[in-house]
Amino acid sequence: MQGEAADSVHFIQEGRIKATVTSEHGKEAVVAIFGKGQFFGEGCLTDQSLRTATMSALGDCQISSITKAAMIAALSNQPRFSQLFMDHLLRRNSRVQEDVIDQLFNSSERRLARLLLLLANYGKEGDSPIVPVILSQETLADMIGTTRSRVSFFMNKFRKLGLIDYKGQIDVHQSLLNAVLHDKPEIRADEPA
């Protein structure tokens, strides 16, 4: 939970986790979704004394908790683990940079398309299976910085174009990736956000 002692790093073996941050005025924002094979809570390794986000399971999860002392020892004494963790940090850093660029330069429609593709595992390294997206339109709106009504509008548009199907879960089709990669006009928005 945000504000609790930061004394361990966590590794997601199975499932997905939602990270939310709450402002001092009570406004909550979804800042990330983490999945299998990712770490979270690594801020404790930089002498961050309190958690900066609240993590919530999105369904069944299996998570390992590693104390700060054990993590530091593993990073010092186990080169393969150290390399795995460094790779994770570099991928996370690249993703954050891509998210900032996306927020600054893309329309809310393109940001939604990119987010759906990322959440469905398109473009992930290895043999990650394509998975349905099980998030509310409100959560998607929070993540891309727009309103739920705009997300609803774009979701209906994507569905009519055959880019997604949704009924309780969102099934993202390869055609959405093709539309984004080729910047087809039907995915481009006229207004910035």
N, C-alpha and C. Protein backbone atom coordinates (compact mmCIF):
# COMPACT_ATOMS: atom_id res chain seq x y z
N MET A 1 0.84 -1.19 0.00
CA MET A 1 0.00 0.00 0.00
C MET A 1 0.88 1.25 0.00
N GLN A 2 0.41 2.26 -0.70
CA GLN A 2 1.11 3.54 -0.72
C GLN A 2 1.24 4.07 0.70
N GLY A 3 2.44 4.51 1.06
CA GLY A 3 2.69 5.05 2.39
C GLY A 3 3.20 4.03 3.39
N GLU A 4 3.12 2.73 3.09
CA GLU A 4 3.65 1.70 3.99
C GLU A 4 5.17 1.60 3.82
N ALA A 5 5.79 0.94 4.78
CA ALA A 5 7.25 0.77 4.74
C ALA A 5 7.67 0.01 3.49
N ALA A 6 8.68 0.52 2.80
CA ALA A 6 9.24 -0.13 1.61
C ALA A 6 10.44 -0.95 2.06
N ASP A 7 10.24 -2.25 2.22
CA ASP A 7 11.29 -3.10 2.76
C ASP A 7 11.51 -4.39 1.99
N SER A 8 10.86 -4.50 0.81
CA SER A 8 11.01 -5.72 0.02
C SER A 8 10.70 -5.44 -1.45
N VAL A 9 11.21 -6.33 -2.29
CA VAL A 9 10.96 -6.31 -3.73
C VAL A 9 10.08 -7.52 -4.01
N HIS A 10 9.21 -7.41 -4.98
CA HIS A 10 8.29 -8.51 -5.30
C HIS A 10 8.47 -8.93 -6.75
N PHE A 11 8.28 -10.22 -7.00
CA PHE A 11 8.40 -10.79 -8.34
C PHE A 11 7.10 -11.50 -8.67
N ILE A 12 6.51 -11.18 -9.82
CA ILE A 12 5.24 -11.79 -10.23
C ILE A 12 5.53 -13.07 -10.98
N GLN A 13 5.15 -14.19 -10.38
CA GLN A 13 5.32 -15.49 -11.04
C GLN A 13 4.14 -15.80 -11.95
N GLU A 14 2.95 -15.41 -11.53
CA GLU A 14 1.73 -15.61 -12.31
C GLU A 14 0.78 -14.46 -12.02
N GLY A 15 0.01 -14.06 -13.03
CA GLY A 15 -1.02 -13.06 -12.83
C GLY A 15 -0.59 -11.66 -13.23
N ARG A 16 -1.48 -10.70 -12.91
CA ARG A 16 -1.24 -9.30 -13.22
C ARG A 16 -1.57 -8.44 -12.01
N ILE A 17 -0.83 -7.34 -11.89
CA ILE A 17 -0.96 -6.41 -10.77
C ILE A 17 -1.21 -5.01 -11.32
N LYS A 18 -2.11 -4.29 -10.68
CA LYS A 18 -2.38 -2.89 -11.05
C LYS A 18 -1.73 -1.99 -10.02
N ALA A 19 -0.99 -0.97 -10.50
CA ALA A 19 -0.35 0.01 -9.62
C ALA A 19 -1.16 1.30 -9.67
N THR A 20 -1.58 1.78 -8.50
CA THR A 20 -2.32 3.04 -8.42
C THR A 20 -1.62 3.98 -7.45
N VAL A 21 -1.75 5.26 -7.72
CA VAL A 21 -1.20 6.30 -6.86
C VAL A 21 -2.35 7.22 -6.48
N THR A 22 -2.39 7.62 -5.21
CA THR A 22 -3.43 8.53 -4.74
C THR A 22 -2.77 9.84 -4.29
N SER A 23 -3.32 10.95 -4.80
CA SER A 23 -2.77 12.26 -4.44
C SER A 23 -3.20 12.62 -3.03
N GLU A 24 -2.61 13.67 -2.48
CA GLU A 24 -2.98 14.10 -1.13
C GLU A 24 -4.41 14.63 -1.10
N HIS A 25 -5.00 14.92 -2.27
CA HIS A 25 -6.39 15.38 -2.35
C HIS A 25 -7.36 14.22 -2.59
N GLY A 26 -6.83 12.99 -2.61
CA GLY A 26 -7.68 11.81 -2.76
C GLY A 26 -7.92 11.36 -4.19
N LYS A 27 -7.34 12.01 -5.17
CA LYS A 27 -7.51 11.59 -6.56
C LYS A 27 -6.61 10.39 -6.83
N GLU A 28 -7.18 9.34 -7.41
CA GLU A 28 -6.44 8.11 -7.68
C GLU A 28 -6.19 7.97 -9.17
N ALA A 29 -5.00 7.49 -9.52
CA ALA A 29 -4.65 7.26 -10.92
C ALA A 29 -3.98 5.90 -11.06
N VAL A 30 -4.33 5.18 -12.11
CA VAL A 30 -3.67 3.93 -12.44
C VAL A 30 -2.41 4.30 -13.21
N VAL A 31 -1.26 3.89 -12.71
CA VAL A 31 0.00 4.27 -13.35
C VAL A 31 0.67 3.13 -14.11
N ALA A 32 0.28 1.89 -13.84
CA ALA A 32 0.90 0.77 -14.56
C ALA A 32 0.14 -0.52 -14.30
N ILE A 33 0.33 -1.45 -15.20
CA ILE A 33 -0.11 -2.83 -15.03
C ILE A 33 1.14 -3.68 -15.19
N PHE A 34 1.43 -4.51 -14.20
CA PHE A 34 2.60 -5.39 -14.24
C PHE A 34 2.13 -6.83 -14.41
N GLY A 35 2.92 -7.62 -15.10
CA GLY A 35 2.55 -9.01 -15.36
C GLY A 35 3.64 -9.99 -15.02
N LYS A 36 3.37 -11.22 -15.37
CA LYS A 36 4.28 -12.34 -15.12
C LYS A 36 5.70 -12.00 -15.56
N GLY A 37 6.66 -12.30 -14.66
CA GLY A 37 8.07 -12.07 -14.97
C GLY A 37 8.57 -10.68 -14.64
N GLN A 38 7.73 -9.86 -14.02
CA GLN A 38 8.15 -8.50 -13.69
C GLN A 38 8.33 -8.34 -12.18
N PHE A 39 9.19 -7.41 -11.84
CA PHE A 39 9.43 -7.03 -10.45
C PHE A 39 8.65 -5.75 -10.15
N PHE A 40 8.35 -5.55 -8.88
CA PHE A 40 7.86 -4.25 -8.43
C PHE A 40 8.32 -4.05 -7.00
N GLY A 41 8.34 -2.80 -6.56
CA GLY A 41 8.80 -2.47 -5.22
C GLY A 41 10.29 -2.25 -5.11
N GLU A 42 10.97 -2.14 -6.27
CA GLU A 42 12.43 -2.01 -6.25
C GLU A 42 12.91 -0.67 -5.73
N GLY A 43 12.00 0.26 -5.48
CA GLY A 43 12.38 1.55 -4.91
C GLY A 43 13.05 1.43 -3.56
N CYS A 44 12.75 0.34 -2.84
CA CYS A 44 13.38 0.15 -1.52
C CYS A 44 14.90 0.00 -1.64
N LEU A 45 15.38 -0.37 -2.81
CA LEU A 45 16.82 -0.54 -3.01
C LEU A 45 17.56 0.79 -3.11
N THR A 46 16.82 1.87 -3.29
CA THR A 46 17.42 3.20 -3.38
C THR A 46 17.14 4.01 -2.12
N ASP A 47 16.95 3.36 -1.01
CA ASP A 47 16.66 3.99 0.27
C ASP A 47 15.33 4.73 0.29
N GLN A 48 14.41 4.33 -0.57
CA GLN A 48 13.05 4.84 -0.53
C GLN A 48 12.38 4.17 0.67
N SER A 49 12.02 4.93 1.67
CA SER A 49 11.53 4.33 2.91
C SER A 49 10.05 3.96 2.87
N LEU A 50 9.26 4.62 2.01
CA LEU A 50 7.83 4.35 1.94
C LEU A 50 7.42 3.97 0.51
N ARG A 51 6.41 3.12 0.40
CA ARG A 51 5.87 2.73 -0.89
C ARG A 51 5.23 3.94 -1.55
N THR A 52 5.43 4.10 -2.84
CA THR A 52 4.87 5.25 -3.56
C THR A 52 3.59 4.89 -4.32
N ALA A 53 3.22 3.62 -4.33
CA ALA A 53 2.02 3.18 -5.05
C ALA A 53 1.36 2.04 -4.29
N THR A 54 0.10 1.82 -4.58
CA THR A 54 -0.64 0.69 -4.05
C THR A 54 -0.77 -0.34 -5.16
N MET A 55 -0.47 -1.58 -4.86
CA MET A 55 -0.54 -2.65 -5.84
C MET A 55 -1.76 -3.52 -5.53
N SER A 56 -2.54 -3.82 -6.57
CA SER A 56 -3.74 -4.64 -6.42
C SER A 56 -3.72 -5.76 -7.44
N ALA A 57 -4.07 -6.96 -7.00
CA ALA A 57 -4.10 -8.10 -7.91
C ALA A 57 -5.30 -7.98 -8.85
N LEU A 58 -5.07 -8.29 -10.11
CA LEU A 58 -6.13 -8.35 -11.10
C LEU A 58 -6.42 -9.82 -11.37
N GLY A 59 -7.05 -10.47 -10.44
CA GLY A 59 -7.30 -11.90 -10.54
C GLY A 59 -6.31 -12.68 -9.71
N ASP A 60 -6.25 -13.99 -9.95
CA ASP A 60 -5.34 -14.86 -9.20
C ASP A 60 -3.90 -14.54 -9.56
N CYS A 61 -3.05 -14.46 -8.53
CA CYS A 61 -1.64 -14.14 -8.72
C CYS A 61 -0.78 -15.03 -7.83
N GLN A 62 0.43 -15.22 -8.25
CA GLN A 62 1.45 -15.86 -7.41
C GLN A 62 2.64 -14.92 -7.42
N ILE A 63 2.97 -14.40 -6.23
CA ILE A 63 4.00 -13.37 -6.11
C ILE A 63 5.01 -13.78 -5.04
N SER A 64 6.29 -13.62 -5.36
CA SER A 64 7.35 -13.88 -4.39
C SER A 64 7.80 -12.55 -3.81
N SER A 65 8.01 -12.53 -2.51
CA SER A 65 8.51 -11.34 -1.83
C SER A 65 9.95 -11.60 -1.43
N ILE A 66 10.81 -10.63 -1.74
CA ILE A 66 12.25 -10.75 -1.46
C ILE A 66 12.64 -9.57 -0.56
N THR A 67 13.13 -9.86 0.62
CA THR A 67 13.52 -8.77 1.52
C THR A 67 14.62 -7.93 0.88
N LYS A 68 14.70 -6.70 1.32
CA LYS A 68 15.72 -5.79 0.79
C LYS A 68 17.12 -6.40 0.97
N ALA A 69 17.40 -6.94 2.15
CA ALA A 69 18.72 -7.53 2.42
C ALA A 69 19.01 -8.71 1.49
N ALA A 70 18.01 -9.59 1.29
CA ALA A 70 18.20 -10.74 0.41
C ALA A 70 18.38 -10.30 -1.03
N MET A 71 17.67 -9.27 -1.43
CA MET A 71 17.78 -8.77 -2.81
C MET A 71 19.18 -8.18 -3.05
N ILE A 72 19.66 -7.40 -2.11
CA ILE A 72 21.00 -6.80 -2.24
C ILE A 72 22.06 -7.89 -2.30
N ALA A 73 21.91 -8.91 -1.45
CA ALA A 73 22.86 -10.03 -1.45
C ALA A 73 22.82 -10.77 -2.79
N ALA A 74 21.63 -11.03 -3.31
CA ALA A 74 21.50 -11.74 -4.58
C ALA A 74 22.10 -10.93 -5.73
N LEU A 75 21.88 -9.62 -5.72
CA LEU A 75 22.44 -8.77 -6.77
C LEU A 75 23.97 -8.74 -6.71
N SER A 76 24.53 -8.84 -5.50
CA SER A 76 25.98 -8.82 -5.32
C SER A 76 26.63 -10.17 -5.62
N ASN A 77 25.94 -11.26 -5.29
CA ASN A 77 26.56 -12.58 -5.32
C ASN A 77 26.12 -13.48 -6.47
N GLN A 78 25.08 -13.10 -7.19
CA GLN A 78 24.56 -13.97 -8.24
C GLN A 78 24.50 -13.20 -9.57
N PRO A 79 25.55 -13.28 -10.37
CA PRO A 79 25.62 -12.51 -11.61
C PRO A 79 24.43 -12.74 -12.56
N ARG A 80 23.95 -13.98 -12.66
CA ARG A 80 22.82 -14.25 -13.58
C ARG A 80 21.57 -13.55 -13.09
N PHE A 81 21.33 -13.58 -11.78
CA PHE A 81 20.16 -12.89 -11.22
C PHE A 81 20.33 -11.38 -11.40
N SER A 82 21.53 -10.90 -11.15
CA SER A 82 21.81 -9.47 -11.31
C SER A 82 21.53 -9.03 -12.75
N GLN A 83 21.93 -9.84 -13.72
CA GLN A 83 21.68 -9.52 -15.13
C GLN A 83 20.19 -9.54 -15.43
N LEU A 84 19.46 -10.52 -14.90
CA LEU A 84 18.01 -10.60 -15.08
C LEU A 84 17.33 -9.34 -14.54
N PHE A 85 17.75 -8.92 -13.36
CA PHE A 85 17.15 -7.73 -12.74
C PHE A 85 17.52 -6.47 -13.52
N MET A 86 18.76 -6.37 -13.97
CA MET A 86 19.19 -5.22 -14.76
C MET A 86 18.40 -5.15 -16.07
N ASP A 87 18.19 -6.28 -16.72
CA ASP A 87 17.38 -6.32 -17.94
C ASP A 87 15.96 -5.81 -17.66
N HIS A 88 15.40 -6.24 -16.54
CA HIS A 88 14.07 -5.78 -16.13
C HIS A 88 14.05 -4.25 -15.98
N LEU A 89 15.04 -3.71 -15.28
CA LEU A 89 15.08 -2.27 -15.06
C LEU A 89 15.23 -1.49 -16.38
N LEU A 90 16.04 -2.00 -17.28
CA LEU A 90 16.23 -1.34 -18.57
C LEU A 90 14.96 -1.38 -19.41
N ARG A 91 14.26 -2.52 -19.40
CA ARG A 91 12.98 -2.61 -20.12
C ARG A 91 11.95 -1.67 -19.51
N ARG A 92 11.91 -1.61 -18.18
CA ARG A 92 10.97 -0.72 -17.50
C ARG A 92 11.28 0.73 -17.85
N ASN A 93 12.56 1.10 -17.86
CA ASN A 93 12.95 2.46 -18.20
C ASN A 93 12.53 2.81 -19.63
N SER A 94 12.75 1.89 -20.56
CA SER A 94 12.34 2.12 -21.95
C SER A 94 10.83 2.28 -22.06
N ARG A 95 10.10 1.46 -21.32
CA ARG A 95 8.63 1.54 -21.36
C ARG A 95 8.15 2.88 -20.81
N VAL A 96 8.76 3.36 -19.74
CA VAL A 96 8.38 4.65 -19.17
C VAL A 96 8.64 5.76 -20.18
N GLN A 97 9.79 5.71 -20.85
CA GLN A 97 10.10 6.72 -21.87
C GLN A 97 9.07 6.67 -23.01
N GLU A 98 8.72 5.47 -23.45
CA GLU A 98 7.73 5.32 -24.52
C GLU A 98 6.37 5.87 -24.07
N ASP A 99 6.00 5.62 -22.80
CA ASP A 99 4.74 6.12 -22.28
C ASP A 99 4.71 7.64 -22.25
N VAL A 100 5.81 8.27 -21.87
CA VAL A 100 5.87 9.74 -21.84
C VAL A 100 5.74 10.29 -23.26
N ILE A 101 6.46 9.71 -24.19
CA ILE A 101 6.38 10.16 -25.59
C ILE A 101 4.96 9.97 -26.12
N ASP A 102 4.36 8.83 -25.80
CA ASP A 102 2.99 8.54 -26.22
C ASP A 102 2.03 9.60 -25.68
N GLN A 103 2.17 9.94 -24.41
CA GLN A 103 1.30 10.92 -23.76
C GLN A 103 1.49 12.31 -24.38
N LEU A 104 2.71 12.66 -24.73
CA LEU A 104 2.99 13.99 -25.26
C LEU A 104 2.58 14.17 -26.72
N PHE A 105 2.74 13.13 -27.53
CA PHE A 105 2.60 13.32 -28.97
C PHE A 105 1.45 12.59 -29.64
N ASN A 106 0.80 11.66 -28.97
CA ASN A 106 -0.27 10.91 -29.63
C ASN A 106 -1.64 11.30 -29.12
N SER A 107 -2.63 11.14 -29.98
CA SER A 107 -4.02 11.40 -29.61
C SER A 107 -4.47 10.35 -28.59
N SER A 108 -5.56 10.63 -27.92
CA SER A 108 -6.08 9.66 -26.95
C SER A 108 -6.50 8.37 -27.65
N GLU A 109 -6.93 8.45 -28.89
CA GLU A 109 -7.30 7.25 -29.65
C GLU A 109 -6.08 6.35 -29.86
N ARG A 110 -4.98 6.94 -30.29
CA ARG A 110 -3.75 6.14 -30.48
C ARG A 110 -3.20 5.63 -29.15
N ARG A 111 -3.31 6.44 -28.11
CA ARG A 111 -2.84 5.98 -26.79
C ARG A 111 -3.64 4.77 -26.33
N LEU A 112 -4.96 4.79 -26.57
CA LEU A 112 -5.79 3.64 -26.21
C LEU A 112 -5.41 2.42 -27.03
N ALA A 113 -5.21 2.59 -28.32
CA ALA A 113 -4.82 1.46 -29.17
C ALA A 113 -3.51 0.86 -28.68
N ARG A 114 -2.53 1.71 -28.39
CA ARG A 114 -1.22 1.24 -27.91
C ARG A 114 -1.36 0.51 -26.58
N LEU A 115 -2.15 1.07 -25.67
CA LEU A 115 -2.33 0.44 -24.37
C LEU A 115 -2.99 -0.93 -24.51
N LEU A 116 -4.02 -1.04 -25.34
CA LEU A 116 -4.69 -2.33 -25.54
C LEU A 116 -3.71 -3.37 -26.10
N LEU A 117 -2.89 -2.94 -27.04
CA LEU A 117 -1.90 -3.86 -27.62
C LEU A 117 -0.89 -4.32 -26.57
N LEU A 118 -0.41 -3.39 -25.74
CA LEU A 118 0.54 -3.75 -24.69
C LEU A 118 -0.08 -4.69 -23.67
N LEU A 119 -1.30 -4.40 -23.25
CA LEU A 119 -1.97 -5.24 -22.24
C LEU A 119 -2.29 -6.63 -22.78
N ALA A 120 -2.51 -6.73 -24.08
CA ALA A 120 -2.81 -8.03 -24.70
C ALA A 120 -1.55 -8.83 -25.03
N ASN A 121 -0.38 -8.25 -24.78
CA ASN A 121 0.94 -8.89 -24.98
C ASN A 121 1.45 -8.81 -26.41
N TYR A 122 0.87 -7.98 -27.28
CA TYR A 122 1.44 -7.82 -28.62
C TYR A 122 2.78 -7.12 -28.49
N GLY A 123 3.78 -7.65 -29.20
CA GLY A 123 5.10 -7.03 -29.20
C GLY A 123 5.99 -7.42 -28.05
N LYS A 124 5.55 -8.33 -27.18
CA LYS A 124 6.41 -8.77 -26.08
C LYS A 124 7.42 -9.77 -26.61
N GLU A 125 8.58 -9.77 -25.95
CA GLU A 125 9.64 -10.71 -26.33
C GLU A 125 9.25 -12.12 -25.92
N GLY A 126 9.77 -13.10 -26.64
CA GLY A 126 9.52 -14.49 -26.30
C GLY A 126 8.19 -14.96 -26.86
N ASP A 127 7.67 -15.99 -26.23
CA ASP A 127 6.44 -16.61 -26.69
C ASP A 127 5.26 -16.23 -25.81
N SER A 128 5.16 -14.97 -25.43
CA SER A 128 4.05 -14.54 -24.59
C SER A 128 2.75 -14.69 -25.37
N PRO A 129 1.78 -15.43 -24.81
CA PRO A 129 0.52 -15.61 -25.53
C PRO A 129 -0.29 -14.32 -25.53
N ILE A 130 -1.08 -14.12 -26.57
CA ILE A 130 -2.00 -12.99 -26.62
C ILE A 130 -3.11 -13.28 -25.63
N VAL A 131 -3.38 -12.31 -24.75
CA VAL A 131 -4.36 -12.51 -23.69
C VAL A 131 -5.46 -11.46 -23.79
N PRO A 132 -6.66 -11.81 -23.30
CA PRO A 132 -7.72 -10.80 -23.28
C PRO A 132 -7.41 -9.73 -22.23
N VAL A 133 -7.91 -8.54 -22.47
CA VAL A 133 -7.74 -7.43 -21.54
C VAL A 133 -8.98 -7.37 -20.68
N ILE A 134 -8.78 -7.42 -19.37
CA ILE A 134 -9.91 -7.40 -18.45
C ILE A 134 -9.76 -6.19 -17.53
N LEU A 135 -10.05 -5.03 -18.08
CA LEU A 135 -10.02 -3.77 -17.33
C LEU A 135 -11.25 -2.97 -17.71
N SER A 136 -11.73 -2.17 -16.79
CA SER A 136 -12.88 -1.32 -17.07
C SER A 136 -12.48 -0.16 -17.98
N GLN A 137 -13.48 0.42 -18.63
CA GLN A 137 -13.21 1.60 -19.45
C GLN A 137 -12.71 2.75 -18.60
N GLU A 138 -13.16 2.83 -17.37
CA GLU A 138 -12.71 3.87 -16.45
C GLU A 138 -11.21 3.73 -16.18
N THR A 139 -10.75 2.51 -15.94
CA THR A 139 -9.33 2.26 -15.70
C THR A 139 -8.51 2.57 -16.94
N LEU A 140 -9.00 2.15 -18.11
CA LEU A 140 -8.30 2.47 -19.36
C LEU A 140 -8.20 3.98 -19.55
N ALA A 141 -9.28 4.68 -19.25
CA ALA A 141 -9.28 6.15 -19.36
C ALA A 141 -8.24 6.77 -18.43
N ASP A 142 -8.18 6.28 -17.19
CA ASP A 142 -7.19 6.78 -16.24
C ASP A 142 -5.78 6.57 -16.77
N MET A 143 -5.54 5.43 -17.39
CA MET A 143 -4.19 5.09 -17.84
C MET A 143 -3.74 5.91 -19.04
N ILE A 144 -4.68 6.39 -19.86
CA ILE A 144 -4.26 7.16 -21.04
C ILE A 144 -4.55 8.65 -20.89
N GLY A 145 -5.13 9.03 -19.77
CA GLY A 145 -5.34 10.45 -19.52
C GLY A 145 -6.49 11.07 -20.28
N THR A 146 -7.63 10.38 -20.31
CA THR A 146 -8.82 10.91 -20.96
C THR A 146 -10.05 10.50 -20.16
N THR A 147 -11.21 10.72 -20.71
CA THR A 147 -12.45 10.38 -20.00
C THR A 147 -12.96 9.01 -20.39
N ARG A 148 -13.81 8.44 -19.55
CA ARG A 148 -14.41 7.14 -19.86
C ARG A 148 -15.28 7.24 -21.11
N SER A 149 -15.96 8.37 -21.31
CA SER A 149 -16.82 8.52 -22.49
C SER A 149 -16.00 8.51 -23.79
N ARG A 150 -14.80 9.08 -23.76
CA ARG A 150 -13.93 9.03 -24.94
C ARG A 150 -13.46 7.60 -25.20
N VAL A 151 -13.10 6.90 -24.13
CA VAL A 151 -12.69 5.50 -24.29
C VAL A 151 -13.85 4.69 -24.86
N SER A 152 -15.05 4.90 -24.36
CA SER A 152 -16.23 4.19 -24.87
C SER A 152 -16.42 4.47 -26.36
N PHE A 153 -16.28 5.72 -26.75
CA PHE A 153 -16.41 6.10 -28.16
C PHE A 153 -15.38 5.35 -29.02
N PHE A 154 -14.12 5.36 -28.58
CA PHE A 154 -13.06 4.70 -29.35
C PHE A 154 -13.24 3.18 -29.35
N MET A 155 -13.67 2.61 -28.22
CA MET A 155 -13.88 1.16 -28.16
C MET A 155 -14.96 0.75 -29.15
N ASN A 156 -16.04 1.52 -29.23
CA ASN A 156 -17.11 1.22 -30.18
C ASN A 156 -16.59 1.35 -31.61
N LYS A 157 -15.78 2.36 -31.87
CA LYS A 157 -15.19 2.54 -33.19
C LYS A 157 -14.28 1.36 -33.54
N PHE A 158 -13.41 0.96 -32.60
CA PHE A 158 -12.51 -0.17 -32.84
C PHE A 158 -13.31 -1.45 -33.11
N ARG A 159 -14.39 -1.64 -32.35
CA ARG A 159 -15.22 -2.84 -32.53
C ARG A 159 -15.88 -2.84 -33.91
N LYS A 160 -16.43 -1.70 -34.32
CA LYS A 160 -17.08 -1.60 -35.64
C LYS A 160 -16.09 -1.85 -36.77
N LEU A 161 -14.84 -1.46 -36.57
CA LEU A 161 -13.80 -1.68 -37.58
C LEU A 161 -13.23 -3.10 -37.53
N GLY A 162 -13.67 -3.92 -36.57
CA GLY A 162 -13.19 -5.29 -36.44
C GLY A 162 -11.82 -5.40 -35.81
N LEU A 163 -11.38 -4.34 -35.09
CA LEU A 163 -10.06 -4.34 -34.47
C LEU A 163 -10.07 -5.01 -33.11
N ILE A 164 -11.22 -5.01 -32.45
CA ILE A 164 -11.38 -5.66 -31.14
C ILE A 164 -12.77 -6.27 -31.06
N ASP A 165 -12.94 -7.17 -30.11
CA ASP A 165 -14.26 -7.66 -29.68
C ASP A 165 -14.28 -7.47 -28.18
N TYR A 166 -15.43 -7.13 -27.64
CA TYR A 166 -15.50 -7.06 -26.19
C TYR A 166 -16.91 -7.30 -25.67
N LYS A 167 -16.92 -8.07 -24.62
CA LYS A 167 -18.12 -8.37 -23.85
C LYS A 167 -17.61 -8.96 -22.54
N GLY A 168 -17.35 -8.09 -21.58
CA GLY A 168 -16.77 -8.53 -20.31
C GLY A 168 -15.26 -8.55 -20.35
N GLN A 169 -14.70 -8.89 -21.48
CA GLN A 169 -13.25 -8.84 -21.68
C GLN A 169 -13.01 -8.29 -23.08
N ILE A 170 -11.83 -7.76 -23.29
CA ILE A 170 -11.51 -7.16 -24.58
C ILE A 170 -10.55 -8.10 -25.31
N ASP A 171 -10.97 -8.60 -26.46
CA ASP A 171 -10.12 -9.42 -27.30
C ASP A 171 -9.55 -8.52 -28.38
N VAL A 172 -8.23 -8.34 -28.33
CA VAL A 172 -7.54 -7.44 -29.26
C VAL A 172 -7.06 -8.27 -30.44
N HIS A 173 -7.39 -7.82 -31.65
CA HIS A 173 -7.02 -8.54 -32.86
C HIS A 173 -5.73 -7.99 -33.46
N GLN A 174 -5.05 -8.83 -34.20
CA GLN A 174 -3.83 -8.44 -34.92
C GLN A 174 -4.09 -7.21 -35.79
N SER A 175 -5.30 -7.06 -36.27
CA SER A 175 -5.63 -5.94 -37.15
C SER A 175 -5.43 -4.59 -36.46
N LEU A 176 -5.58 -4.53 -35.13
CA LEU A 176 -5.33 -3.27 -34.40
C LEU A 176 -3.84 -2.94 -34.47
N LEU A 177 -3.00 -3.95 -34.30
CA LEU A 177 -1.56 -3.74 -34.42
C LEU A 177 -1.20 -3.27 -35.82
N ASN A 178 -1.78 -3.91 -36.83
CA ASN A 178 -1.50 -3.52 -38.21
C ASN A 178 -1.95 -2.08 -38.46
N ALA A 179 -3.10 -1.70 -37.91
CA ALA A 179 -3.61 -0.33 -38.09
C ALA A 179 -2.67 0.68 -37.44
N VAL A 180 -2.18 0.37 -36.25
CA VAL A 180 -1.27 1.29 -35.56
C VAL A 180 0.08 1.36 -36.27
N LEU A 181 0.61 0.22 -36.66
CA LEU A 181 1.91 0.18 -37.34
C LEU A 181 1.89 0.91 -38.68
N HIS A 182 0.79 0.78 -39.38
CA HIS A 182 0.69 1.40 -40.70
C HIS A 182 -0.02 2.74 -40.65
N ASP A 183 -0.39 3.19 -39.45
CA ASP A 183 -1.00 4.50 -39.23
C ASP A 183 -2.15 4.75 -40.19
N LYS A 184 -3.03 3.74 -40.30
CA LYS A 184 -4.17 3.88 -41.20
C LYS A 184 -5.08 5.00 -40.73
N PRO A 185 -5.73 5.69 -41.64
CA PRO A 185 -6.56 6.83 -41.28
C PRO A 185 -7.67 6.50 -40.29
N GLU A 186 -8.22 5.28 -40.34
CA GLU A 186 -9.34 4.98 -39.45
C GLU A 186 -8.93 4.93 -37.98
N ILE A 187 -7.65 4.84 -37.68
CA ILE A 187 -7.21 4.80 -36.28
C ILE A 187 -6.73 6.18 -35.84
N ARG A 188 -6.51 7.10 -36.78
CA ARG A 188 -5.99 8.43 -36.46
C ARG A 188 -7.14 9.33 -36.02
N ALA A 189 -6.92 10.08 -34.96
CA ALA A 189 -7.93 11.02 -34.48
C ALA A 189 -7.63 12.42 -35.02
N ASP A 190 -8.68 13.20 -35.26
CA ASP A 190 -8.49 14.56 -35.76
C ASP A 190 -8.11 15.53 -34.67
N GLU A 191 -8.61 15.27 -33.46
CA GLU A 191 -8.31 16.18 -32.35
C GLU A 191 -7.25 15.55 -31.45
N PRO A 192 -6.42 16.35 -30.77
CA PRO A 192 -5.32 15.84 -29.96
C PRO A 192 -5.75 14.98 -28.78
N ALA A 193 -6.74 15.33 -28.04
CA ALA A 193 -7.18 14.52 -26.91
C ALA A 193 -8.40 15.15 -26.37
